[in-house]
N, C-alpha and C. Protein backbone atom coordinates (compact mmCIF):
# COMPACT_ATOMS: atom_id res chain seq x y z
N MET A 1 -21.25 -0.26 2.07
CA MET A 1 -20.69 0.92 2.67
C MET A 1 -19.44 0.54 3.47
N LEU A 2 -18.39 1.35 3.36
CA LEU A 2 -17.14 1.08 4.06
C LEU A 2 -17.27 1.43 5.53
N GLN A 3 -16.95 0.47 6.39
CA GLN A 3 -16.99 0.69 7.84
C GLN A 3 -15.56 0.54 8.36
N PRO A 4 -14.81 1.65 8.49
CA PRO A 4 -13.40 1.56 8.81
C PRO A 4 -13.10 1.05 10.22
N ASP A 5 -14.12 0.87 11.07
CA ASP A 5 -13.84 0.44 12.42
C ASP A 5 -13.92 -1.08 12.61
N LEU A 6 -14.18 -1.84 11.55
CA LEU A 6 -14.21 -3.29 11.68
C LEU A 6 -12.79 -3.82 11.90
N PRO A 7 -12.62 -4.80 12.77
CA PRO A 7 -11.28 -5.34 13.03
C PRO A 7 -10.78 -6.12 11.82
N LEU A 8 -9.48 -6.11 11.65
CA LEU A 8 -8.85 -6.83 10.56
C LEU A 8 -8.29 -8.14 11.09
N THR A 9 -8.67 -9.24 10.47
CA THR A 9 -8.17 -10.54 10.90
C THR A 9 -6.73 -10.72 10.41
N PRO A 10 -5.95 -11.55 11.09
CA PRO A 10 -4.57 -11.81 10.63
C PRO A 10 -4.53 -12.38 9.21
N GLU A 11 -5.49 -13.23 8.87
CA GLU A 11 -5.54 -13.81 7.52
C GLU A 11 -5.78 -12.72 6.47
N ALA A 12 -6.71 -11.82 6.73
CA ALA A 12 -7.00 -10.74 5.80
C ALA A 12 -5.79 -9.81 5.66
N SER A 13 -5.13 -9.54 6.76
CA SER A 13 -3.94 -8.71 6.74
C SER A 13 -2.84 -9.35 5.88
N ARG A 14 -2.64 -10.63 6.04
CA ARG A 14 -1.63 -11.36 5.26
C ARG A 14 -1.97 -11.34 3.77
N ARG A 15 -3.24 -11.51 3.44
CA ARG A 15 -3.65 -11.51 2.03
C ARG A 15 -3.42 -10.16 1.37
N ILE A 16 -3.74 -9.08 2.08
CA ILE A 16 -3.52 -7.74 1.54
C ILE A 16 -2.02 -7.46 1.40
N GLN A 17 -1.26 -7.90 2.39
CA GLN A 17 0.19 -7.73 2.34
C GLN A 17 0.77 -8.46 1.12
N GLU A 18 0.31 -9.67 0.87
CA GLU A 18 0.77 -10.44 -0.29
C GLU A 18 0.34 -9.79 -1.61
N LEU A 19 -0.85 -9.22 -1.63
CA LEU A 19 -1.35 -8.54 -2.83
C LEU A 19 -0.42 -7.38 -3.20
N VAL A 20 -0.14 -6.51 -2.25
CA VAL A 20 0.71 -5.35 -2.52
C VAL A 20 2.13 -5.79 -2.86
N SER A 21 2.64 -6.77 -2.12
CA SER A 21 3.98 -7.28 -2.38
C SER A 21 4.09 -7.88 -3.78
N GLY A 22 3.11 -8.66 -4.17
CA GLY A 22 3.11 -9.29 -5.50
C GLY A 22 3.07 -8.27 -6.61
N LEU A 23 2.24 -7.24 -6.46
CA LEU A 23 2.18 -6.19 -7.47
C LEU A 23 3.52 -5.47 -7.59
N ALA A 24 4.12 -5.13 -6.45
CA ALA A 24 5.39 -4.41 -6.46
C ALA A 24 6.50 -5.27 -7.07
N LYS A 25 6.56 -6.54 -6.69
CA LYS A 25 7.60 -7.43 -7.21
C LYS A 25 7.50 -7.60 -8.72
N ALA A 26 6.30 -7.53 -9.25
CA ALA A 26 6.11 -7.65 -10.69
C ALA A 26 6.60 -6.40 -11.44
N LEU A 27 6.74 -5.29 -10.73
CA LEU A 27 7.13 -4.03 -11.37
C LEU A 27 8.63 -3.73 -11.30
N VAL A 28 9.32 -4.22 -10.29
CA VAL A 28 10.68 -3.78 -10.00
C VAL A 28 11.74 -4.70 -10.62
N ASP A 29 12.98 -4.20 -10.66
CA ASP A 29 14.11 -5.00 -11.13
C ASP A 29 14.70 -5.85 -10.01
N ASP A 30 14.51 -5.42 -8.76
CA ASP A 30 15.07 -6.13 -7.60
C ASP A 30 13.94 -6.59 -6.68
N PRO A 31 13.23 -7.68 -7.03
CA PRO A 31 12.10 -8.12 -6.22
C PRO A 31 12.49 -8.57 -4.81
N GLU A 32 13.75 -8.95 -4.61
CA GLU A 32 14.20 -9.36 -3.28
C GLU A 32 14.21 -8.20 -2.29
N ALA A 33 14.30 -6.97 -2.80
CA ALA A 33 14.34 -5.79 -1.93
C ALA A 33 12.95 -5.29 -1.54
N VAL A 34 11.91 -5.90 -2.09
CA VAL A 34 10.54 -5.48 -1.80
C VAL A 34 10.09 -6.05 -0.46
N SER A 35 9.52 -5.18 0.38
CA SER A 35 8.91 -5.65 1.63
C SER A 35 7.69 -4.78 1.92
N VAL A 36 6.71 -5.38 2.58
CA VAL A 36 5.50 -4.66 2.96
C VAL A 36 5.30 -4.85 4.45
N GLU A 37 5.28 -3.73 5.16
CA GLU A 37 5.06 -3.74 6.61
C GLU A 37 3.61 -3.34 6.88
N VAL A 38 2.93 -4.08 7.73
CA VAL A 38 1.54 -3.80 8.09
C VAL A 38 1.54 -3.06 9.42
N ILE A 39 0.96 -1.85 9.43
CA ILE A 39 0.93 -1.02 10.63
C ILE A 39 -0.52 -0.72 10.98
N PRO A 40 -1.08 -1.45 11.96
CA PRO A 40 -2.47 -1.19 12.36
C PRO A 40 -2.58 0.17 13.06
N GLU A 41 -3.63 0.91 12.74
CA GLU A 41 -3.92 2.17 13.41
C GLU A 41 -5.33 2.08 13.96
N ALA A 42 -5.81 3.15 14.56
CA ALA A 42 -7.11 3.14 15.23
C ALA A 42 -8.25 2.66 14.33
N ALA A 43 -8.41 3.29 13.18
CA ALA A 43 -9.55 2.96 12.33
C ALA A 43 -9.13 2.48 10.94
N SER A 44 -7.84 2.22 10.76
CA SER A 44 -7.36 1.80 9.45
C SER A 44 -6.06 1.03 9.60
N THR A 45 -5.51 0.62 8.49
CA THR A 45 -4.22 -0.07 8.47
C THR A 45 -3.35 0.56 7.41
N VAL A 46 -2.12 0.89 7.78
CA VAL A 46 -1.16 1.45 6.84
C VAL A 46 -0.28 0.31 6.33
N LEU A 47 -0.11 0.26 5.02
CA LEU A 47 0.82 -0.69 4.41
C LEU A 47 2.02 0.11 3.94
N ARG A 48 3.17 -0.18 4.50
CA ARG A 48 4.40 0.54 4.15
C ARG A 48 5.19 -0.32 3.19
N LEU A 49 5.21 0.08 1.92
CA LEU A 49 5.90 -0.64 0.86
C LEU A 49 7.31 -0.09 0.72
N ARG A 50 8.30 -0.95 0.91
CA ARG A 50 9.71 -0.56 0.77
C ARG A 50 10.28 -1.23 -0.48
N VAL A 51 10.98 -0.41 -1.28
CA VAL A 51 11.63 -0.92 -2.49
C VAL A 51 13.04 -0.32 -2.56
N ALA A 52 13.89 -0.92 -3.39
CA ALA A 52 15.23 -0.39 -3.60
C ALA A 52 15.15 1.00 -4.20
N SER A 53 16.12 1.84 -3.89
CA SER A 53 16.11 3.22 -4.39
C SER A 53 16.12 3.26 -5.92
N THR A 54 16.71 2.26 -6.56
CA THR A 54 16.73 2.23 -8.02
C THR A 54 15.38 1.87 -8.62
N ASP A 55 14.47 1.33 -7.79
CA ASP A 55 13.16 0.90 -8.28
C ASP A 55 12.01 1.83 -7.89
N ILE A 56 12.28 2.87 -7.13
CA ILE A 56 11.22 3.72 -6.63
C ILE A 56 10.40 4.34 -7.78
N GLY A 57 11.07 4.71 -8.85
CA GLY A 57 10.37 5.29 -10.00
C GLY A 57 9.45 4.31 -10.69
N LYS A 58 9.83 3.04 -10.68
CA LYS A 58 8.99 2.02 -11.31
C LYS A 58 7.70 1.80 -10.53
N VAL A 59 7.77 1.94 -9.21
CA VAL A 59 6.58 1.73 -8.37
C VAL A 59 5.68 2.96 -8.38
N ILE A 60 6.29 4.14 -8.45
CA ILE A 60 5.49 5.37 -8.48
C ILE A 60 4.95 5.64 -9.88
N GLY A 61 5.78 5.46 -10.90
CA GLY A 61 5.35 5.65 -12.29
C GLY A 61 5.31 7.11 -12.69
N LYS A 62 5.07 7.34 -13.97
CA LYS A 62 4.99 8.71 -14.49
C LYS A 62 3.80 9.42 -13.89
N GLN A 63 4.07 10.56 -13.29
CA GLN A 63 3.05 11.39 -12.63
C GLN A 63 2.27 10.60 -11.57
N GLY A 64 2.89 9.56 -11.00
CA GLY A 64 2.26 8.80 -9.93
C GLY A 64 1.17 7.85 -10.38
N ARG A 65 1.11 7.58 -11.67
CA ARG A 65 0.02 6.73 -12.19
C ARG A 65 0.08 5.30 -11.68
N THR A 66 1.27 4.74 -11.61
CA THR A 66 1.38 3.35 -11.15
C THR A 66 1.00 3.25 -9.68
N ALA A 67 1.50 4.18 -8.86
CA ALA A 67 1.13 4.18 -7.43
C ALA A 67 -0.37 4.38 -7.27
N ARG A 68 -0.96 5.24 -8.07
CA ARG A 68 -2.41 5.46 -8.01
C ARG A 68 -3.17 4.20 -8.39
N SER A 69 -2.66 3.46 -9.35
CA SER A 69 -3.31 2.20 -9.75
C SER A 69 -3.24 1.16 -8.64
N ILE A 70 -2.09 1.06 -7.98
CA ILE A 70 -1.97 0.13 -6.86
C ILE A 70 -2.95 0.52 -5.76
N ARG A 71 -3.08 1.83 -5.50
CA ARG A 71 -4.02 2.30 -4.47
C ARG A 71 -5.46 2.03 -4.87
N THR A 72 -5.76 2.08 -6.16
CA THR A 72 -7.11 1.77 -6.63
C THR A 72 -7.45 0.30 -6.35
N ILE A 73 -6.51 -0.59 -6.63
CA ILE A 73 -6.71 -2.01 -6.34
C ILE A 73 -6.87 -2.21 -4.84
N LEU A 74 -6.05 -1.53 -4.06
CA LEU A 74 -6.14 -1.61 -2.60
C LEU A 74 -7.49 -1.10 -2.11
N SER A 75 -8.01 -0.08 -2.74
CA SER A 75 -9.32 0.46 -2.38
C SER A 75 -10.43 -0.56 -2.64
N ALA A 76 -10.34 -1.27 -3.76
CA ALA A 76 -11.34 -2.29 -4.07
C ALA A 76 -11.30 -3.41 -3.03
N ALA A 77 -10.09 -3.82 -2.62
CA ALA A 77 -9.97 -4.83 -1.58
C ALA A 77 -10.49 -4.30 -0.24
N SER A 78 -10.28 -3.01 0.01
CA SER A 78 -10.79 -2.38 1.24
C SER A 78 -12.30 -2.48 1.31
N MET A 79 -12.95 -2.25 0.21
CA MET A 79 -14.41 -2.32 0.17
C MET A 79 -14.88 -3.74 0.49
N LYS A 80 -14.23 -4.73 -0.07
CA LYS A 80 -14.63 -6.10 0.16
C LYS A 80 -14.42 -6.50 1.63
N MET A 81 -13.31 -6.07 2.21
CA MET A 81 -12.99 -6.43 3.59
C MET A 81 -13.61 -5.49 4.63
N GLN A 82 -14.23 -4.44 4.14
CA GLN A 82 -14.84 -3.44 5.02
C GLN A 82 -13.83 -2.91 6.04
N HIS A 83 -12.66 -2.59 5.54
CA HIS A 83 -11.59 -2.05 6.38
C HIS A 83 -10.77 -1.09 5.52
N ARG A 84 -10.40 0.04 6.07
CA ARG A 84 -9.65 1.05 5.31
C ARG A 84 -8.16 0.76 5.36
N PHE A 85 -7.53 0.83 4.17
CA PHE A 85 -6.08 0.67 4.05
C PHE A 85 -5.51 1.91 3.39
N SER A 86 -4.28 2.25 3.75
CA SER A 86 -3.56 3.29 3.02
C SER A 86 -2.18 2.74 2.69
N LEU A 87 -1.58 3.27 1.65
CA LEU A 87 -0.30 2.77 1.16
C LEU A 87 0.74 3.88 1.23
N ASP A 88 1.83 3.61 1.93
CA ASP A 88 2.99 4.50 1.95
C ASP A 88 4.09 3.80 1.16
N ILE A 89 4.70 4.53 0.23
CA ILE A 89 5.81 3.98 -0.54
C ILE A 89 7.09 4.58 0.01
N VAL A 90 8.00 3.70 0.42
CA VAL A 90 9.20 4.14 1.13
C VAL A 90 10.45 3.68 0.39
N GLU A 91 11.44 4.55 0.40
CA GLU A 91 12.72 4.25 -0.22
C GLU A 91 13.81 4.41 0.84
N GLU A 92 14.58 3.39 1.07
CA GLU A 92 15.71 3.43 2.00
C GLU A 92 15.34 4.01 3.36
N GLY A 93 14.17 3.63 3.89
CA GLY A 93 13.76 4.06 5.23
C GLY A 93 13.18 5.45 5.31
N ILE A 94 12.94 6.12 4.16
CA ILE A 94 12.39 7.47 4.16
C ILE A 94 11.06 7.48 3.42
N ALA A 95 9.99 7.97 4.07
CA ALA A 95 8.69 8.08 3.40
C ALA A 95 8.81 9.14 2.32
N LYS A 96 8.17 8.90 1.17
CA LYS A 96 8.27 9.83 0.03
C LYS A 96 7.54 11.14 0.28
N SER A 97 6.43 11.16 0.99
CA SER A 97 5.68 12.37 1.31
C SER A 97 4.31 11.96 1.81
N ALA A 98 3.47 12.95 2.04
CA ALA A 98 2.09 12.64 2.40
C ALA A 98 1.48 11.88 1.23
N THR A 99 0.75 10.82 1.54
CA THR A 99 0.20 9.98 0.49
C THR A 99 -1.31 9.89 0.61
N PRO A 100 -1.98 9.76 -0.52
CA PRO A 100 -3.43 9.55 -0.45
C PRO A 100 -3.71 8.17 0.12
N ASP A 101 -4.78 8.05 0.90
CA ASP A 101 -5.13 6.72 1.37
C ASP A 101 -5.88 6.00 0.25
N SER A 102 -6.37 4.82 0.53
CA SER A 102 -6.98 4.01 -0.52
C SER A 102 -8.23 4.64 -1.11
N SER A 103 -8.83 5.61 -0.42
CA SER A 103 -10.02 6.27 -0.97
C SER A 103 -9.64 7.50 -1.78
N GLY A 104 -8.33 7.84 -1.81
CA GLY A 104 -7.88 8.97 -2.60
C GLY A 104 -7.77 10.27 -1.84
N THR A 105 -8.10 10.28 -0.54
CA THR A 105 -7.97 11.52 0.22
C THR A 105 -6.57 11.65 0.77
N GLN A 106 -6.12 12.85 0.97
CA GLN A 106 -4.75 13.11 1.39
C GLN A 106 -4.55 12.84 2.87
N GLN A 107 -3.45 12.17 3.22
CA GLN A 107 -3.09 11.92 4.59
C GLN A 107 -1.78 12.60 4.90
N ALA A 108 -1.56 12.95 6.16
CA ALA A 108 -0.28 13.54 6.55
C ALA A 108 0.69 12.46 6.94
């Protein structure tokens, strides 16, 4: 059972950050522009994925399928670490919109 109030260790945070970064870099044309910011919140952690504006479509995919797949992998890691993660995909400093968290529910 997922317990979102468990603390996240720095090592676990780094591993999740590398996971998302590695997936994004494998998809884009400009891997040097990929960055993942870890933002701890009260009961979860937000991962803010930044990519070049020319690569945003590659990370989101047709009808959001690629982004949904990345979130599915993130959800599986969340279960193992017993900590909730959500993924925001950002282009040029602007969040794309409200995004589902790793469990698929909508966040503002």
